[in-house]
């Protein structure tokens, strides 16, 4: 498969019509929920919703231009290197969707476990609301690197076009689950990613952290020990919220936090672990530095209180 054939498939293959229909359907759901919230006066942070929509528009502009091209250019060499070739037909579409869903589980989980990837994915989790516009709140730059997770699918013989489209379907499926308007769905919550299941994933409650990574099927979480049912009221957002509706701040604040920590590091090994390690690791000497800052702040407060007391006494 050449670059031109890859592009031609996107332009001419009938399945792309279903991708478009799915997108229009999801957009209609979002508009419907917004309308319902307006007429029922359901509590919603409207500035947050507008930020979500703005981020979506920015992301689409980048994905359909520069970042989309990066994915195509980078995946094709792996396709050429692969000794296997899976033909595109109805049966292999089923296999591709299953493989893409499995891929999504691990991509999603890894994005939660490594700080540099969390810098992108935290954009999606930083809203303290939970409505359908949150499904639009995706990092504007993550599409430039997420192609990496499709490499195993390409190497086992799936065409890049089929792998990319299958992952798009897995992602589009998840629009409808970002809502509080749909309650628990019984046995469906045990097999599929549903609103109840995904509310847990967006929770900052201690028992909900790093749970329910699945895209369409939740069986992957049951297989790998990350499944959690919705049991207590979900508190949405991050464990430390960013309190901003600026789309640029939302997208890059964690990069700023990483850079701040990198500057505090004393060794290159610590800098590497800050960037690529897990989310909570910090060198022990960070605690000492923070304690010194706290002591300094307390001293300044005490000194200020002493100076004010002298003025009052005089």
C-alpha atoms as a PDB file:
ATOM      1  CA  UNK A   1       0.000   0.000   0.000  1.00  0.00           C
ATOM      2  CA  UNK A   2       1.367   3.396  -1.013  1.00  0.00           C
ATOM      3  CA  UNK A   3       0.738   6.799   0.543  1.00  0.00           C
ATOM      4  CA  UNK A   4      -1.594   7.732  -2.307  1.00  0.00           C
ATOM      5  CA  UNK A   5      -3.605   4.519  -1.896  1.00  0.00           C
ATOM      6  CA  UNK A   6      -3.881   5.158   1.840  1.00  0.00           C
ATOM      7  CA  UNK A   7      -5.310   8.622   1.192  1.00  0.00           C
ATOM      8  CA  UNK A   8      -7.574   7.300  -1.572  1.00  0.00           C
ATOM      9  CA  UNK A   9      -9.149   4.790   0.833  1.00  0.00           C
ATOM     10  CA  UNK A  10     -10.129   7.639   3.157  1.00  0.00           C
ATOM     11  CA  UNK A  11     -11.707   9.494   0.259  1.00  0.00           C
ATOM     12  CA  UNK A  12     -13.497   6.641  -1.534  1.00  0.00           C
ATOM     13  CA  UNK A  13     -14.175   3.713   0.847  1.00  0.00           C
ATOM     14  CA  UNK A  14     -17.907   3.412   1.723  1.00  0.00           C
ATOM     15  CA  UNK A  15     -17.163   2.819   5.417  1.00  0.00           C
ATOM     16  CA  UNK A  16     -16.096   6.449   5.725  1.00  0.00           C
ATOM     17  CA  UNK A  17     -19.755   7.384   5.226  1.00  0.00           C
ATOM     18  CA  UNK A  18     -20.561   5.515   8.433  1.00  0.00           C
ATOM     19  CA  UNK A  19     -17.782   7.388  10.222  1.00  0.00           C
ATOM     20  CA  UNK A  20     -19.447  10.620   9.078  1.00  0.00           C
ATOM     21  CA  UNK A  21     -22.921   9.396  10.126  1.00  0.00           C
ATOM     22  CA  UNK A  22     -21.565   8.420  13.540  1.00  0.00           C
ATOM     23  CA  UNK A  23     -20.018  11.877  13.963  1.00  0.00           C
ATOM     24  CA  UNK A  24     -23.283  13.626  12.993  1.00  0.00           C
ATOM     25  CA  UNK A  25     -25.240  11.378  15.381  1.00  0.00           C
ATOM     26  CA  UNK A  26     -22.857  12.229  18.247  1.00  0.00           C
ATOM     27  CA  UNK A  27     -23.068  15.933  17.438  1.00  0.00           C
ATOM     28  CA  UNK A  28     -26.870  15.706  17.547  1.00  0.00           C
ATOM     29  CA  UNK A  29     -26.687  14.032  20.982  1.00  0.00           C
ATOM     30  CA  UNK A  30     -24.479  16.840  22.299  1.00  0.00           C
ATOM     31  CA  UNK A  31     -26.863  19.521  20.996  1.00  0.00           C
ATOM     32  CA  UNK A  32     -29.831  17.637  22.465  1.00  0.00           C
ATOM     33  CA  UNK A  33     -28.230  17.423  25.915  1.00  0.00           C
ATOM     34  CA  UNK A  34     -27.301  21.116  25.857  1.00  0.00           C
ATOM     35  CA  UNK A  35     -30.914  21.955  24.923  1.00  0.00           C
ATOM     36  CA  UNK A  36     -32.282  19.756  27.717  1.00  0.00           C
ATOM     37  CA  UNK A  37     -29.943  21.360  30.236  1.00  0.00           C
ATOM     38  CA  UNK A  38     -31.071  24.816  29.137  1.00  0.00           C
ATOM     39  CA  UNK A  39     -34.776  24.037  29.469  1.00  0.00           C
ATOM     40  CA  UNK A  40     -34.507  22.009  32.677  1.00  0.00           C
ATOM     41  CA  UNK A  41     -32.011  24.388  34.312  1.00  0.00           C
ATOM     42  CA  UNK A  42     -29.669  21.518  35.068  1.00  0.00           C
ATOM     43  CA  UNK A  43     -26.536  22.761  36.776  1.00  0.00           C
ATOM     44  CA  UNK A  44     -23.680  23.089  34.308  1.00  0.00           C
ATOM     45  CA  UNK A  45     -20.521  25.175  34.127  1.00  0.00           C
ATOM     46  CA  UNK A  46     -21.258  26.861  30.805  1.00  0.00           C
ATOM     47  CA  UNK A  47     -17.801  28.405  30.469  1.00  0.00           C
ATOM     48  CA  UNK A  48     -16.395  24.911  30.889  1.00  0.00           C
ATOM     49  CA  UNK A  49     -18.663  23.605  28.100  1.00  0.00           C
ATOM     50  CA  UNK A  50     -17.620  26.423  25.756  1.00  0.00           C
ATOM     51  CA  UNK A  51     -13.976  25.637  26.544  1.00  0.00           C
ATOM     52  CA  UNK A  52     -14.613  21.996  25.620  1.00  0.00           C
ATOM     53  CA  UNK A  53     -16.117  22.979  22.270  1.00  0.00           C
ATOM     54  CA  UNK A  54     -13.251  25.409  21.565  1.00  0.00           C
ATOM     55  CA  UNK A  55     -10.677  22.708  22.313  1.00  0.00           C
ATOM     56  CA  UNK A  56     -12.504  20.325  19.976  1.00  0.00           C
ATOM     57  CA  UNK A  57     -12.420  22.825  17.106  1.00  0.00           C
ATOM     58  CA  UNK A  58      -8.713  23.534  17.621  1.00  0.00           C
ATOM     59  CA  UNK A  59      -7.956  19.825  17.820  1.00  0.00           C
ATOM     60  CA  UNK A  60      -9.862  19.024  14.637  1.00  0.00           C
ATOM     61  CA  UNK A  61      -8.032  21.743  12.726  1.00  0.00           C
ATOM     62  CA  UNK A  62      -4.670  20.305  13.781  1.00  0.00           C
ATOM     63  CA  UNK A  63      -5.647  16.653  13.361  1.00  0.00           C
ATOM     64  CA  UNK A  64      -7.005  17.158   9.856  1.00  0.00           C
ATOM     65  CA  UNK A  65      -3.808  18.927   8.783  1.00  0.00           C
ATOM     66  CA  UNK A  66      -0.363  18.589  10.341  1.00  0.00           C
ATOM     67  CA  UNK A  67      -0.925  15.899  12.975  1.00  0.00           C
ATOM     68  CA  UNK A  68      -2.944  13.642  10.695  1.00  0.00           C
ATOM     69  CA  UNK A  69      -0.111  13.732   8.179  1.00  0.00           C
ATOM     70  CA  UNK A  70       2.372  12.746  10.897  1.00  0.00           C
ATOM     71  CA  UNK A  71       0.360   9.603  11.630  1.00  0.00           C
ATOM     72  CA  UNK A  72       0.193   8.592   7.973  1.00  0.00           C
ATOM     73  CA  UNK A  73       3.901   9.191   7.381  1.00  0.00           C
ATOM     74  CA  UNK A  74       4.976   7.313  10.500  1.00  0.00           C
ATOM     75  CA  UNK A  75       2.697   4.268  10.150  1.00  0.00           C
ATOM     76  CA  UNK A  76       3.455   3.431   6.536  1.00  0.00           C
ATOM     77  CA  UNK A  77       7.068   2.239   7.086  1.00  0.00           C
ATOM     78  CA  UNK A  78       5.809  -0.314   9.648  1.00  0.00           C
ATOM     79  CA  UNK A  79       3.266  -1.531   7.081  1.00  0.00           C
ATOM     80  CA  UNK A  80       6.022  -1.999   4.517  1.00  0.00           C
ATOM     81  CA  UNK A  81       8.211  -3.831   7.039  1.00  0.00           C
ATOM     82  CA  UNK A  82       5.499  -6.251   8.145  1.00  0.00           C
ATOM     83  CA  UNK A  83       5.730  -9.745   6.581  1.00  0.00           C
ATOM     84  CA  UNK A  84       1.980 -10.198   7.129  1.00  0.00           C
ATOM     85  CA  UNK A  85      -1.015  -8.803   5.286  1.00  0.00           C
ATOM     86  CA  UNK A  86      -4.644  -9.014   6.411  1.00  0.00           C
ATOM     87  CA  UNK A  87      -7.088  -8.282   3.618  1.00  0.00           C
ATOM     88  CA  UNK A  88      -9.874  -5.769   4.183  1.00  0.00           C
ATOM     89  CA  UNK A  89     -13.313  -7.403   4.291  1.00  0.00           C
ATOM     90  CA  UNK A  90     -16.330  -7.682   6.609  1.00  0.00           C
ATOM     91  CA  UNK A  91     -14.747 -10.346   8.828  1.00  0.00           C
ATOM     92  CA  UNK A  92     -11.463  -8.509   9.225  1.00  0.00           C
ATOM     93  CA  UNK A  93     -13.352  -5.336  10.152  1.00  0.00           C
ATOM     94  CA  UNK A  94     -14.763  -7.239  13.125  1.00  0.00           C
ATOM     95  CA  UNK A  95     -11.242  -8.388  14.044  1.00  0.00           C
ATOM     96  CA  UNK A  96      -9.857  -4.878  13.529  1.00  0.00           C
ATOM     97  CA  UNK A  97     -12.473  -3.364  15.856  1.00  0.00           C
ATOM     98  CA  UNK A  98     -11.668  -5.963  18.526  1.00  0.00           C
ATOM     99  CA  UNK A  99      -7.924  -5.367  18.114  1.00  0.00           C
ATOM    100  CA  UNK A 100      -8.407  -1.582  18.178  1.00  0.00           C
ATOM    101  CA  UNK A 101     -10.465  -1.841  21.357  1.00  0.00           C
ATOM    102  CA  UNK A 102      -7.732  -3.925  23.001  1.00  0.00           C
ATOM    103  CA  UNK A 103      -5.167  -1.413  21.758  1.00  0.00           C
ATOM    104  CA  UNK A 104      -7.242   1.440  23.154  1.00  0.00           C
ATOM    105  CA  UNK A 105      -7.327  -0.168  26.607  1.00  0.00           C
ATOM    106  CA  UNK A 106      -3.526  -0.279  26.801  1.00  0.00           C
ATOM    107  CA  UNK A 107      -3.049   3.129  25.203  1.00  0.00           C
ATOM    108  CA  UNK A 108      -5.477   4.623  27.709  1.00  0.00           C
ATOM    109  CA  UNK A 109      -3.901   2.835  30.657  1.00  0.00           C
ATOM    110  CA  UNK A 110      -0.358   3.834  29.687  1.00  0.00           C
ATOM    111  CA  UNK A 111      -1.483   7.455  29.305  1.00  0.00           C
ATOM    112  CA  UNK A 112      -2.570   7.330  32.945  1.00  0.00           C
ATOM    113  CA  UNK A 113       0.700   5.774  34.129  1.00  0.00           C
ATOM    114  CA  UNK A 114       3.386   7.980  32.536  1.00  0.00           C
ATOM    115  CA  UNK A 115       3.518  11.664  33.274  1.00  0.00           C
ATOM    116  CA  UNK A 116       4.496  12.960  29.833  1.00  0.00           C
ATOM    117  CA  UNK A 117       1.514  11.142  28.320  1.00  0.00           C
ATOM    118  CA  UNK A 118      -0.720  12.204  31.206  1.00  0.00           C
ATOM    119  CA  UNK A 119       0.180  15.798  30.312  1.00  0.00           C
ATOM    120  CA  UNK A 120      -1.959  15.268  27.198  1.00  0.00           C
ATOM    121  CA  UNK A 121      -4.650  12.979  28.578  1.00  0.00           C
ATOM    122  CA  UNK A 122      -5.230  15.046  31.732  1.00  0.00           C
ATOM    123  CA  UNK A 123      -6.901  17.611  29.464  1.00  0.00           C
ATOM    124  CA  UNK A 124      -9.840  15.225  29.152  1.00  0.00           C
ATOM    125  CA  UNK A 125     -10.035  14.650  32.907  1.00  0.00           C
ATOM    126  CA  UNK A 126      -9.631  18.251  34.056  1.00  0.00           C
ATOM    127  CA  UNK A 127     -13.296  19.214  33.705  1.00  0.00           C
ATOM    128  CA  UNK A 128     -15.229  19.224  36.974  1.00  0.00           C
ATOM    129  CA  UNK A 129     -18.432  18.671  34.991  1.00  0.00           C
ATOM    130  CA  UNK A 130     -19.597  15.489  33.315  1.00  0.00           C
ATOM    131  CA  UNK A 131     -21.647  16.027  30.191  1.00  0.00           C
ATOM    132  CA  UNK A 132     -21.400  15.167  26.503  1.00  0.00           C
ATOM    133  CA  UNK A 133     -19.214  18.186  25.687  1.00  0.00           C
ATOM    134  CA  UNK A 134     -16.499  16.610  27.875  1.00  0.00           C
ATOM    135  CA  UNK A 135     -16.103  13.985  25.123  1.00  0.00           C
ATOM    136  CA  UNK A 136     -14.827  16.884  22.960  1.00  0.00           C
ATOM    137  CA  UNK A 137     -12.265  17.924  25.551  1.00  0.00           C
ATOM    138  CA  UNK A 138      -9.224  16.116  24.141  1.00  0.00           C
ATOM    139  CA  UNK A 139      -5.641  17.344  23.975  1.00  0.00           C
ATOM    140  CA  UNK A 140      -5.044  19.296  20.789  1.00  0.00           C
ATOM    141  CA  UNK A 141      -1.644  17.629  20.315  1.00  0.00           C
ATOM    142  CA  UNK A 142      -2.174  14.013  21.401  1.00  0.00           C
ATOM    143  CA  UNK A 143      -3.108  12.915  17.862  1.00  0.00           C
ATOM    144  CA  UNK A 144       0.500  13.687  16.907  1.00  0.00           C
ATOM    145  CA  UNK A 145       1.740  10.778  19.038  1.00  0.00           C
ATOM    146  CA  UNK A 146      -1.133   8.316  19.494  1.00  0.00           C
ATOM    147  CA  UNK A 147      -0.328   6.656  16.155  1.00  0.00           C
ATOM    148  CA  UNK A 148       2.495   4.909  18.046  1.00  0.00           C
ATOM    149  CA  UNK A 149      -0.008   2.635  19.781  1.00  0.00           C
ATOM    150  CA  UNK A 150      -1.271   1.353  16.408  1.00  0.00           C
ATOM    151  CA  UNK A 151       2.141  -0.014  15.430  1.00  0.00           C
ATOM    152  CA  UNK A 152       1.455  -3.543  16.846  1.00  0.00           C
ATOM    153  CA  UNK A 153      -1.746  -3.772  14.760  1.00  0.00           C
ATOM    154  CA  UNK A 154       0.193  -2.768  11.663  1.00  0.00           C
ATOM    155  CA  UNK A 155       2.985  -5.257  12.343  1.00  0.00           C
ATOM    156  CA  UNK A 156       0.563  -8.208  12.644  1.00  0.00           C
ATOM    157  CA  UNK A 157      -0.836  -7.365   9.218  1.00  0.00           C
ATOM    158  CA  UNK A 158      -3.699  -4.886   9.510  1.00  0.00           C
ATOM    159  CA  UNK A 159      -3.662  -2.168   6.864  1.00  0.00           C
ATOM    160  CA  UNK A 160      -2.950   1.290   8.335  1.00  0.00           C
ATOM    161  CA  UNK A 161      -6.289   2.517   6.966  1.00  0.00           C
ATOM    162  CA  UNK A 162      -8.210  -0.263   8.718  1.00  0.00           C
ATOM    163  CA  UNK A 163      -6.339   0.215  11.995  1.00  0.00           C
ATOM    164  CA  UNK A 164      -6.896   3.991  12.036  1.00  0.00           C
ATOM    165  CA  UNK A 165     -10.596   3.769  11.143  1.00  0.00           C
ATOM    166  CA  UNK A 166     -11.201   1.016  13.722  1.00  0.00           C
ATOM    167  CA  UNK A 167      -9.653   3.202  16.429  1.00  0.00           C
ATOM    168  CA  UNK A 168     -11.796   6.137  15.272  1.00  0.00           C
ATOM    169  CA  UNK A 169     -14.917   4.002  15.768  1.00  0.00           C
ATOM    170  CA  UNK A 170     -13.763   3.021  19.261  1.00  0.00           C
ATOM    171  CA  UNK A 171     -13.255   6.691  20.110  1.00  0.00           C
ATOM    172  CA  UNK A 172     -16.558   7.828  18.572  1.00  0.00           C
ATOM    173  CA  UNK A 173     -18.490   5.174  20.491  1.00  0.00           C
ATOM    174  CA  UNK A 174     -17.481   6.893  23.719  1.00  0.00           C
ATOM    175  CA  UNK A 175     -19.298  10.180  23.100  1.00  0.00           C
ATOM    176  CA  UNK A 176     -22.650   9.000  24.490  1.00  0.00           C
ATOM    177  CA  UNK A 177     -21.163   7.687  27.744  1.00  0.00           C
ATOM    178  CA  UNK A 178     -20.148  11.168  28.970  1.00  0.00           C
ATOM    179  CA  UNK A 179     -23.459  11.939  30.641  1.00  0.00           C
ATOM    180  CA  UNK A 180     -25.186  11.832  34.002  1.00  0.00           C
ATOM    181  CA  UNK A 181     -28.611  11.592  32.372  1.00  0.00           C
ATOM    182  CA  UNK A 182     -28.335   7.841  31.779  1.00  0.00           C
ATOM    183  CA  UNK A 183     -28.410   5.733  34.938  1.00  0.00           C
ATOM    184  CA  UNK A 184     -26.984   2.260  35.498  1.00  0.00           C
ATOM    185  CA  UNK A 185     -27.828  -0.239  32.748  1.00  0.00           C
ATOM    186  CA  UNK A 186     -27.657  -3.536  34.607  1.00  0.00           C
ATOM    187  CA  UNK A 187     -25.852  -6.363  32.825  1.00  0.00           C
ATOM    188  CA  UNK A 188     -24.676  -3.993  30.070  1.00  0.00           C
ATOM    189  CA  UNK A 189     -22.452  -2.272  32.663  1.00  0.00           C
ATOM    190  CA  UNK A 190     -20.667  -5.604  33.132  1.00  0.00           C
ATOM    191  CA  UNK A 191     -19.712  -5.998  29.469  1.00  0.00           C
ATOM    192  CA  UNK A 192     -19.618  -2.585  27.799  1.00  0.00           C
ATOM    193  CA  UNK A 193     -18.270   0.845  28.590  1.00  0.00           C
ATOM    194  CA  UNK A 194     -21.444   2.659  29.644  1.00  0.00           C
ATOM    195  CA  UNK A 195     -22.211   6.029  31.273  1.00  0.00           C
ATOM    196  CA  UNK A 196     -22.086   4.480  34.750  1.00  0.00           C
ATOM    197  CA  UNK A 197     -18.816   2.664  34.052  1.00  0.00           C
ATOM    198  CA  UNK A 198     -17.187   5.749  32.549  1.00  0.00           C
ATOM    199  CA  UNK A 199     -18.385   8.082  35.298  1.00  0.00           C
ATOM    200  CA  UNK A 200     -16.192   5.998  37.588  1.00  0.00           C
ATOM    201  CA  UNK A 201     -13.229   6.549  35.266  1.00  0.00           C
ATOM    202  CA  UNK A 202     -13.687  10.313  35.495  1.00  0.00           C
ATOM    203  CA  UNK A 203     -13.906  10.292  39.273  1.00  0.00           C
ATOM    204  CA  UNK A 204     -11.228  11.798  41.489  1.00  0.00           C
ATOM    205  CA  UNK A 205     -12.486   9.698  44.416  1.00  0.00           C
ATOM    206  CA  UNK A 206      -9.667   7.559  45.801  1.00  0.00           C
ATOM    207  CA  UNK A 207     -11.426   4.263  45.003  1.00  0.00           C
ATOM    208  CA  UNK A 208     -12.117   5.401  41.413  1.00  0.00           C
ATOM    209  CA  UNK A 209      -8.606   6.476  40.437  1.00  0.00           C
ATOM    210  CA  UNK A 210      -7.099   4.594  37.469  1.00  0.00           C
ATOM    211  CA  UNK A 211     -10.128   2.391  36.836  1.00  0.00           C
ATOM    212  CA  UNK A 212     -12.206   1.411  33.783  1.00  0.00           C
ATOM    213  CA  UNK A 213      -9.864   2.109  30.866  1.00  0.00           C
ATOM    214  CA  UNK A 214     -11.883   0.178  28.270  1.00  0.00           C
ATOM    215  CA  UNK A 215     -13.131   1.867  25.105  1.00  0.00           C
ATOM    216  CA  UNK A 216     -16.119  -0.203  23.971  1.00  0.00           C
ATOM    217  CA  UNK A 217     -15.739  -3.418  25.969  1.00  0.00           C
ATOM    218  CA  UNK A 218     -15.118  -3.315  29.709  1.00  0.00           C
ATOM    219  CA  UNK A 219     -14.012  -6.973  29.755  1.00  0.00           C
ATOM    220  CA  UNK A 220     -10.401  -5.843  29.337  1.00  0.00           C
ATOM    221  CA  UNK A 221     -10.599  -4.132  32.732  1.00  0.00           C
ATOM    222  CA  UNK A 222     -11.989  -7.293  34.276  1.00  0.00           C
ATOM    223  CA  UNK A 223      -9.184  -9.317  32.710  1.00  0.00           C
ATOM    224  CA  UNK A 224      -6.407  -6.973  33.878  1.00  0.00           C
ATOM    225  CA  UNK A 225      -7.756  -5.970  37.305  1.00  0.00           C
ATOM    226  CA  UNK A 226      -8.817  -2.364  36.688  1.00  0.00           C
ATOM    227  CA  UNK A 227     -12.621  -2.693  36.789  1.00  0.00           C
ATOM    228  CA  UNK A 228     -14.672  -0.747  39.327  1.00  0.00           C
ATOM    229  CA  UNK A 229     -18.451  -0.411  39.598  1.00  0.00           C
ATOM    230  CA  UNK A 230     -20.121   2.920  40.383  1.00  0.00           C
ATOM    231  CA  UNK A 231     -20.810   2.744  44.111  1.00  0.00           C
ATOM    232  CA  UNK A 232     -20.383   6.172  45.693  1.00  0.00           C
ATOM    233  CA  UNK A 233     -21.158   9.616  44.304  1.00  0.00           C
ATOM    234  CA  UNK A 234     -18.548  10.558  41.720  1.00  0.00           C
ATOM    235  CA  UNK A 235     -16.445  13.695  42.246  1.00  0.00           C
ATOM    236  CA  UNK A 236     -15.301  14.767  38.776  1.00  0.00           C
ATOM    237  CA  UNK A 237     -12.027  16.418  37.852  1.00  0.00           C
ATOM    238  CA  UNK A 238      -8.428  15.971  38.932  1.00  0.00           C
ATOM    239  CA  UNK A 239      -7.115  15.323  42.430  1.00  0.00           C
ATOM    240  CA  UNK A 240      -5.770  18.878  42.133  1.00  0.00           C
ATOM    241  CA  UNK A 241      -8.028  20.910  39.847  1.00  0.00           C
ATOM    242  CA  UNK A 242      -6.696  23.571  37.474  1.00  0.00           C
ATOM    243  CA  UNK A 243      -9.549  26.131  37.857  1.00  0.00           C
ATOM    244  CA  UNK A 244      -9.277  27.522  34.323  1.00  0.00           C
ATOM    245  CA  UNK A 245     -11.505  27.758  31.260  1.00  0.00           C
ATOM    246  CA  UNK A 246      -8.735  28.961  28.970  1.00  0.00           C
ATOM    247  CA  UNK A 247      -8.281  26.305  26.229  1.00  0.00           C
ATOM    248  CA  UNK A 248      -4.520  26.946  26.024  1.00  0.00           C
ATOM    249  CA  UNK A 249      -4.049  26.711  29.799  1.00  0.00           C
ATOM    250  CA  UNK A 250      -6.139  23.539  29.898  1.00  0.00           C
ATOM    251  CA  UNK A 251      -3.977  21.941  27.199  1.00  0.00           C
ATOM    252  CA  UNK A 252      -0.546  22.876  28.494  1.00  0.00           C
ATOM    253  CA  UNK A 253      -0.713  23.378  32.262  1.00  0.00           C
ATOM    254  CA  UNK A 254       0.662  19.916  33.036  1.00  0.00           C
ATOM    255  CA  UNK A 255       3.616  20.542  30.711  1.00  0.00           C
ATOM    256  CA  UNK A 256       4.259  23.674  32.752  1.00  0.00           C
ATOM    257  CA  UNK A 257       4.111  21.607  35.953  1.00  0.00           C
ATOM    258  CA  UNK A 258       6.545  19.052  34.523  1.00  0.00           C
ATOM    259  CA  UNK A 259       8.982  21.796  33.512  1.00  0.00           C
ATOM    260  CA  UNK A 260       8.767  23.302  37.005  1.00  0.00           C
ATOM    261  CA  UNK A 261       9.694  19.945  38.532  1.00  0.00           C
ATOM    262  CA  UNK A 262      12.444  19.292  35.972  1.00  0.00           C
ATOM    263  CA  UNK A 263      14.113  22.581  36.968  1.00  0.00           C
ATOM    264  CA  UNK A 264      14.092  21.475  40.603  1.00  0.00           C
ATOM    265  CA  UNK A 265      15.831  18.166  39.831  1.00  0.00           C
ATOM    266  CA  UNK A 266      19.511  17.690  40.696  1.00  0.00           C
ATOM    267  CA  UNK A 267      20.366  14.810  38.349  1.00  0.00           C
ATOM    268  CA  UNK A 268      19.535  13.804  34.783  1.00  0.00           C
ATOM    269  CA  UNK A 269      18.200  10.500  36.075  1.00  0.00           C
ATOM    270  CA  UNK A 270      15.658  12.363  38.213  1.00  0.00           C
ATOM    271  CA  UNK A 271      14.732  14.614  35.287  1.00  0.00           C
ATOM    272  CA  UNK A 272      14.121  11.541  33.128  1.00  0.00           C
ATOM    273  CA  UNK A 273      11.903   9.947  35.791  1.00  0.00           C
ATOM    274  CA  UNK A 274       9.960  13.176  36.293  1.00  0.00           C
ATOM    275  CA  UNK A 275       9.164  13.295  32.566  1.00  0.00           C
ATOM    276  CA  UNK A 276       8.661   9.621  31.747  1.00  0.00           C
ATOM    277  CA  UNK A 277       7.972   8.040  35.137  1.00  0.00           C
ATOM    278  CA  UNK A 278       4.700   7.624  36.963  1.00  0.00           C
ATOM    279  CA  UNK A 279       2.544  10.532  38.028  1.00  0.00           C
ATOM    280  CA  UNK A 280       3.311  10.568  41.744  1.00  0.00           C
ATOM    281  CA  UNK A 281       7.062   9.960  41.890  1.00  0.00           C
ATOM    282  CA  UNK A 282       9.218  12.850  43.086  1.00  0.00           C
ATOM    283  CA  UNK A 283      12.798  12.835  44.436  1.00  0.00           C
ATOM    284  CA  UNK A 284      13.017  12.764  48.246  1.00  0.00           C
ATOM    285  CA  UNK A 285      14.768  16.140  48.294  1.00  0.00           C
ATOM    286  CA  UNK A 286      11.627  17.759  46.834  1.00  0.00           C
ATOM    287  CA  UNK A 287      10.002  17.255  50.247  1.00  0.00           C
ATOM    288  CA  UNK A 288      12.926  19.000  51.958  1.00  0.00           C
ATOM    289  CA  UNK A 289      12.652  21.929  49.527  1.00  0.00           C
ATOM    290  CA  UNK A 290       8.899  22.183  50.131  1.00  0.00           C
ATOM    291  CA  UNK A 291       9.406  22.078  53.880  1.00  0.00           C
ATOM    292  CA  UNK A 292      11.915  24.937  53.626  1.00  0.00           C
ATOM    293  CA  UNK A 293       9.450  26.972  51.559  1.00  0.00           C
ATOM    294  CA  UNK A 294       6.705  26.307  54.109  1.00  0.00           C
ATOM    295  CA  UNK A 295       9.006  27.351  56.958  1.00  0.00           C
ATOM    296  CA  UNK A 296       9.975  30.492  55.061  1.00  0.00           C
ATOM    297  CA  UNK A 297       6.319  31.342  54.402  1.00  0.00           C
ATOM    298  CA  UNK A 298       5.465  30.779  58.069  1.00  0.00           C
ATOM    299  CA  UNK A 299       8.357  32.985  59.131  1.00  0.00           C
ATOM    300  CA  UNK A 300       7.171  35.782  56.839  1.00  0.00           C
ATOM    301  CA  UNK A 301       3.625  35.462  58.215  1.00  0.00           C
ATOM    302  CA  UNK A 302       4.908  35.566  61.791  1.00  0.00           C
ATOM    303  CA  UNK A 303       7.153  38.556  61.026  1.00  0.00           C
ATOM    304  CA  UNK A 304       4.264  40.390  59.365  1.00  0.00           C
ATOM    305  CA  UNK A 305       2.050  39.675  62.380  1.00  0.00           C
ATOM    306  CA  UNK A 306       4.820  40.915  64.728  1.00  0.00           C
ATOM    307  CA  UNK A 307       5.263  44.151  62.742  1.00  0.00           C
ATOM    308  CA  UNK A 308       1.526  44.817  62.732  1.00  0.00           C
ATOM    309  CA  UNK A 309       1.363  44.142  66.461  1.00  0.00           C
ATOM    310  CA  UNK A 310       4.104  46.707  67.106  1.00  0.00           C
ATOM    311  CA  UNK A 311       2.212  49.304  65.094  1.00  0.00           C
ATOM    312  CA  UNK A 312      -0.986  48.558  67.002  1.00  0.00           C
ATOM    313  CA  UNK A 313       0.766  48.662  70.384  1.00  0.00           C
ATOM    314  CA  UNK A 314       2.356  52.020  69.615  1.00  0.00           C
END
